[in-house]
Amino acid sequence: MRRAIITSTATVAGVILLLSLKPHDVATGGGVISSGGSEPLPPTAASAPAGAAAAPSATSAPATDRASRSVTGDAANTRYGAVQVKITLDGRRIAKIDVIRYPSHDRRDQEINSFALPQLNQEAIAAQSAHIDAVSGATYTSDGYTRSLQSALDQAGL
């Protein structure tokens, strides 16, 4: 009888501890990481909560126009949060890439993304496509980045 009471008490305590654990929070990026520099900029109105539906948007300009235009790719959900890019096109060339959403909830997310996103931006501009190598140690971010970039390129007709 004594053993049953101890076992029941331990089980109840274990369940309470499990229920009190907090899951990894999916957060949006703390700012924009641009292909123009590796430092995050202050958050913009383009950053939306992770739970919000990401509506693709593009400024109106025909694909044949040489004027600069911007296209925002769909948000790509990853294990640690959404990744979303906005490309600026000069004619049919990618001139600039801004990462407007990325996981940055904890220090590790910030460390990984401050290193990986500028590298991904640089590779994508050099390749002029979403067919780029993943950054070691940032596999999920790299996957989300390439999916969002491909979405933006598809919307732009490239």
C-alpha atoms as a PDB file:
ATOM      1  CA  MET A   1       0.000   0.000   0.000  1.00  0.00           C
ATOM      2  CA  ARG A   2       2.810   2.415   0.868  1.00  0.00           C
ATOM      3  CA  ARG A   3       4.479   1.750  -2.491  1.00  0.00           C
ATOM      4  CA  ALA A   4       1.260   2.606  -4.372  1.00  0.00           C
ATOM      5  CA  ILE A   5       0.954   5.958  -2.591  1.00  0.00           C
ATOM      6  CA  ILE A   6       4.564   6.883  -3.388  1.00  0.00           C
ATOM      7  CA  THR A   7       4.160   5.820  -7.024  1.00  0.00           C
ATOM      8  CA  SER A   8       0.925   7.787  -7.412  1.00  0.00           C
ATOM      9  CA  THR A   9       2.434  10.890  -5.828  1.00  0.00           C
ATOM     10  CA  ALA A  10       5.509  10.688  -8.065  1.00  0.00           C
ATOM     11  CA  THR A  11       3.310  10.271 -11.163  1.00  0.00           C
ATOM     12  CA  VAL A  12       1.170  13.288 -10.268  1.00  0.00           C
ATOM     13  CA  ALA A  13       4.300  15.385  -9.590  1.00  0.00           C
ATOM     14  CA  GLY A  14       5.785  14.315 -12.958  1.00  0.00           C
ATOM     15  CA  VAL A  15       2.623  15.227 -14.853  1.00  0.00           C
ATOM     16  CA  ILE A  16       2.503  18.644 -13.158  1.00  0.00           C
ATOM     17  CA  LEU A  17       6.139  19.301 -14.091  1.00  0.00           C
ATOM     18  CA  LEU A  18       5.529  18.298 -17.712  1.00  0.00           C
ATOM     19  CA  LEU A  19       2.502  20.538 -17.997  1.00  0.00           C
ATOM     20  CA  SER A  20       4.406  23.505 -16.583  1.00  0.00           C
ATOM     21  CA  LEU A  21       7.105  23.356 -19.283  1.00  0.00           C
ATOM     22  CA  LYS A  22       6.936  26.090 -21.895  1.00  0.00           C
ATOM     23  CA  PRO A  23       7.366  25.131 -25.579  1.00  0.00           C
ATOM     24  CA  HIS A  24       9.840  26.938 -27.813  1.00  0.00           C
ATOM     25  CA  ASP A  25       8.086  30.164 -28.743  1.00  0.00           C
ATOM     26  CA  VAL A  26       7.848  30.892 -32.457  1.00  0.00           C
ATOM     27  CA  ALA A  27       8.805  34.555 -32.794  1.00  0.00           C
ATOM     28  CA  THR A  28       9.297  36.863 -35.713  1.00  0.00           C
ATOM     29  CA  GLY A  29      12.531  38.525 -36.582  1.00  0.00           C
ATOM     30  CA  GLY A  30      13.726  41.368 -34.416  1.00  0.00           C
ATOM     31  CA  GLY A  31      14.520  43.443 -37.475  1.00  0.00           C
ATOM     32  CA  VAL A  32      15.398  43.264 -41.132  1.00  0.00           C
ATOM     33  CA  ILE A  33      18.608  41.690 -42.328  1.00  0.00           C
ATOM     34  CA  SER A  34      19.482  43.163 -45.674  1.00  0.00           C
ATOM     35  CA  SER A  35      21.911  42.174 -48.389  1.00  0.00           C
ATOM     36  CA  GLY A  36      23.297  45.685 -47.986  1.00  0.00           C
ATOM     37  CA  GLY A  37      24.762  44.880 -44.539  1.00  0.00           C
ATOM     38  CA  SER A  38      24.868  42.235 -41.829  1.00  0.00           C
ATOM     39  CA  GLU A  39      23.489  44.307 -38.959  1.00  0.00           C
ATOM     40  CA  PRO A  40      19.773  43.962 -38.164  1.00  0.00           C
ATOM     41  CA  LEU A  41      17.784  47.145 -38.656  1.00  0.00           C
ATOM     42  CA  PRO A  42      14.920  48.216 -36.403  1.00  0.00           C
ATOM     43  CA  PRO A  43      11.658  46.314 -36.913  1.00  0.00           C
ATOM     44  CA  THR A  44       9.461  47.606 -39.696  1.00  0.00           C
ATOM     45  CA  ALA A  45       5.758  47.547 -40.360  1.00  0.00           C
ATOM     46  CA  ALA A  46       6.490  44.675 -42.749  1.00  0.00           C
ATOM     47  CA  SER A  47       7.244  42.428 -39.770  1.00  0.00           C
ATOM     48  CA  ALA A  48       4.083  40.656 -38.743  1.00  0.00           C
ATOM     49  CA  PRO A  49       3.387  38.264 -35.876  1.00  0.00           C
ATOM     50  CA  ALA A  50       4.321  34.671 -36.600  1.00  0.00           C
ATOM     51  CA  GLY A  51       0.697  33.568 -36.368  1.00  0.00           C
ATOM     52  CA  ALA A  52      -0.497  36.162 -38.862  1.00  0.00           C
ATOM     53  CA  ALA A  53      -1.195  35.095 -42.396  1.00  0.00           C
ATOM     54  CA  ALA A  54       1.537  36.261 -44.705  1.00  0.00           C
ATOM     55  CA  ALA A  55       0.006  37.822 -47.764  1.00  0.00           C
ATOM     56  CA  PRO A  56       2.389  38.001 -50.687  1.00  0.00           C
ATOM     57  CA  SER A  57       2.725  41.450 -52.110  1.00  0.00           C
ATOM     58  CA  ALA A  58       4.459  43.069 -55.015  1.00  0.00           C
ATOM     59  CA  THR A  59       4.661  46.617 -56.192  1.00  0.00           C
ATOM     60  CA  SER A  60       3.043  47.019 -59.570  1.00  0.00           C
ATOM     61  CA  ALA A  61       5.553  47.061 -62.409  1.00  0.00           C
ATOM     62  CA  PRO A  62       5.693  44.833 -65.463  1.00  0.00           C
ATOM     63  CA  ALA A  63       8.483  42.218 -65.541  1.00  0.00           C
ATOM     64  CA  THR A  64       9.961  43.820 -68.644  1.00  0.00           C
ATOM     65  CA  ASP A  65      10.215  47.258 -67.020  1.00  0.00           C
ATOM     66  CA  ARG A  66      13.785  48.269 -66.079  1.00  0.00           C
ATOM     67  CA  ALA A  67      12.509  50.223 -63.071  1.00  0.00           C
ATOM     68  CA  SER A  68      13.298  48.980 -59.607  1.00  0.00           C
ATOM     69  CA  ARG A  69      10.512  47.039 -57.902  1.00  0.00           C
ATOM     70  CA  SER A  70      10.077  44.954 -54.770  1.00  0.00           C
ATOM     71  CA  VAL A  71       8.428  41.581 -54.310  1.00  0.00           C
ATOM     72  CA  THR A  72       7.756  39.916 -50.957  1.00  0.00           C
ATOM     73  CA  GLY A  73       7.861  36.129 -50.887  1.00  0.00           C
ATOM     74  CA  ASP A  74       5.501  33.948 -48.889  1.00  0.00           C
ATOM     75  CA  ALA A  75       6.510  33.263 -45.296  1.00  0.00           C
ATOM     76  CA  ALA A  76       8.078  29.804 -45.050  1.00  0.00           C
ATOM     77  CA  ASN A  77       7.403  28.110 -41.742  1.00  0.00           C
ATOM     78  CA  THR A  78      10.310  26.251 -40.199  1.00  0.00           C
ATOM     79  CA  ARG A  79      10.736  24.317 -36.980  1.00  0.00           C
ATOM     80  CA  TYR A  80      11.889  27.464 -35.156  1.00  0.00           C
ATOM     81  CA  GLY A  81       9.730  30.104 -36.822  1.00  0.00           C
ATOM     82  CA  ALA A  82       8.841  31.710 -40.100  1.00  0.00           C
ATOM     83  CA  VAL A  83      11.366  33.060 -42.591  1.00  0.00           C
ATOM     84  CA  GLN A  84      10.286  35.640 -45.168  1.00  0.00           C
ATOM     85  CA  VAL A  85      12.292  37.599 -47.711  1.00  0.00           C
ATOM     86  CA  LYS A  86      11.633  40.690 -49.798  1.00  0.00           C
ATOM     87  CA  ILE A  87      13.608  41.103 -53.000  1.00  0.00           C
ATOM     88  CA  THR A  88      14.315  44.308 -54.857  1.00  0.00           C
ATOM     89  CA  LEU A  89      14.687  43.817 -58.570  1.00  0.00           C
ATOM     90  CA  ASP A  90      16.453  46.054 -61.050  1.00  0.00           C
ATOM     91  CA  GLY A  91      14.857  44.882 -64.269  1.00  0.00           C
ATOM     92  CA  ARG A  92      15.276  41.094 -64.136  1.00  0.00           C
ATOM     93  CA  ARG A  93      18.258  41.111 -61.740  1.00  0.00           C
ATOM     94  CA  ILE A  94      18.102  40.731 -57.970  1.00  0.00           C
ATOM     95  CA  ALA A  95      19.602  43.957 -56.642  1.00  0.00           C
ATOM     96  CA  LYS A  96      18.875  43.537 -52.928  1.00  0.00           C
ATOM     97  CA  ILE A  97      17.362  40.998 -50.537  1.00  0.00           C
ATOM     98  CA  ASP A  98      15.835  41.903 -47.172  1.00  0.00           C
ATOM     99  CA  VAL A  99      14.970  39.171 -44.690  1.00  0.00           C
ATOM    100  CA  ILE A 100      11.910  40.668 -43.014  1.00  0.00           C
ATOM    101  CA  ARG A 101      10.950  37.704 -40.802  1.00  0.00           C
ATOM    102  CA  TYR A 102      13.192  35.170 -39.142  1.00  0.00           C
ATOM    103  CA  PRO A 103      13.376  33.346 -35.800  1.00  0.00           C
ATOM    104  CA  SER A 104      14.997  35.511 -33.122  1.00  0.00           C
ATOM    105  CA  HIS A 105      13.272  34.522 -29.895  1.00  0.00           C
ATOM    106  CA  ASP A 106      16.349  33.467 -27.946  1.00  0.00           C
ATOM    107  CA  ARG A 107      20.045  34.214 -28.018  1.00  0.00           C
ATOM    108  CA  ARG A 108      20.885  31.083 -30.017  1.00  0.00           C
ATOM    109  CA  ASP A 109      18.390  32.004 -32.773  1.00  0.00           C
ATOM    110  CA  GLN A 110      19.898  35.477 -32.958  1.00  0.00           C
ATOM    111  CA  GLU A 111      23.443  34.096 -33.084  1.00  0.00           C
ATOM    112  CA  ILE A 112      22.660  31.620 -35.860  1.00  0.00           C
ATOM    113  CA  ASN A 113      20.678  34.052 -37.992  1.00  0.00           C
ATOM    114  CA  SER A 114      23.062  36.995 -37.632  1.00  0.00           C
ATOM    115  CA  PHE A 115      25.693  34.725 -39.178  1.00  0.00           C
ATOM    116  CA  ALA A 116      23.597  32.750 -41.684  1.00  0.00           C
ATOM    117  CA  LEU A 117      21.267  35.336 -43.233  1.00  0.00           C
ATOM    118  CA  PRO A 118      23.957  37.683 -44.601  1.00  0.00           C
ATOM    119  CA  GLN A 119      25.682  34.650 -46.142  1.00  0.00           C
ATOM    120  CA  LEU A 120      22.442  33.466 -47.710  1.00  0.00           C
ATOM    121  CA  ASN A 121      21.783  36.983 -49.060  1.00  0.00           C
ATOM    122  CA  GLN A 122      25.244  37.157 -50.598  1.00  0.00           C
ATOM    123  CA  GLU A 123      24.972  33.711 -52.214  1.00  0.00           C
ATOM    124  CA  ALA A 124      21.489  34.395 -53.611  1.00  0.00           C
ATOM    125  CA  ILE A 125      22.552  37.684 -55.184  1.00  0.00           C
ATOM    126  CA  ALA A 126      25.633  36.058 -56.680  1.00  0.00           C
ATOM    127  CA  ALA A 127      23.581  33.118 -58.037  1.00  0.00           C
ATOM    128  CA  GLN A 128      20.597  35.308 -59.043  1.00  0.00           C
ATOM    129  CA  SER A 129      18.358  32.408 -58.006  1.00  0.00           C
ATOM    130  CA  ALA A 130      17.158  30.393 -55.026  1.00  0.00           C
ATOM    131  CA  HIS A 131      19.445  27.495 -55.937  1.00  0.00           C
ATOM    132  CA  ILE A 132      22.053  28.117 -53.244  1.00  0.00           C
ATOM    133  CA  ASP A 133      23.850  26.029 -50.644  1.00  0.00           C
ATOM    134  CA  ALA A 134      22.530  25.833 -47.093  1.00  0.00           C
ATOM    135  CA  VAL A 135      24.583  27.390 -44.329  1.00  0.00           C
ATOM    136  CA  SER A 136      26.027  24.776 -41.980  1.00  0.00           C
ATOM    137  CA  GLY A 137      24.398  25.049 -38.561  1.00  0.00           C
ATOM    138  CA  ALA A 138      21.382  26.917 -39.956  1.00  0.00           C
ATOM    139  CA  THR A 139      19.674  24.185 -41.930  1.00  0.00           C
ATOM    140  CA  TYR A 140      16.100  25.131 -41.026  1.00  0.00           C
ATOM    141  CA  THR A 141      16.691  28.833 -41.646  1.00  0.00           C
ATOM    142  CA  SER A 142      18.411  28.050 -44.961  1.00  0.00           C
ATOM    143  CA  ASP A 143      15.477  25.905 -46.072  1.00  0.00           C
ATOM    144  CA  GLY A 144      12.914  28.558 -45.122  1.00  0.00           C
ATOM    145  CA  TYR A 145      15.010  31.249 -46.804  1.00  0.00           C
ATOM    146  CA  THR A 146      15.247  29.402 -50.118  1.00  0.00           C
ATOM    147  CA  ARG A 147      11.516  28.559 -50.117  1.00  0.00           C
ATOM    148  CA  SER A 148      10.538  32.195 -49.449  1.00  0.00           C
ATOM    149  CA  LEU A 149      13.064  33.457 -52.016  1.00  0.00           C
ATOM    150  CA  GLN A 150      11.742  31.043 -54.645  1.00  0.00           C
ATOM    151  CA  SER A 151       8.216  32.238 -53.870  1.00  0.00           C
ATOM    152  CA  ALA A 152       9.268  35.864 -54.446  1.00  0.00           C
ATOM    153  CA  LEU A 153      11.048  34.951 -57.682  1.00  0.00           C
ATOM    154  CA  ASP A 154       7.970  33.041 -58.896  1.00  0.00           C
ATOM    155  CA  GLN A 155       5.743  36.043 -58.124  1.00  0.00           C
ATOM    156  CA  ALA A 156       8.143  38.282 -60.029  1.00  0.00           C
ATOM    157  CA  GLY A 157       7.994  35.964 -63.038  1.00  0.00           C
ATOM    158  CA  LEU A 158      11.668  35.027 -62.908  1.00  0.00           C
END
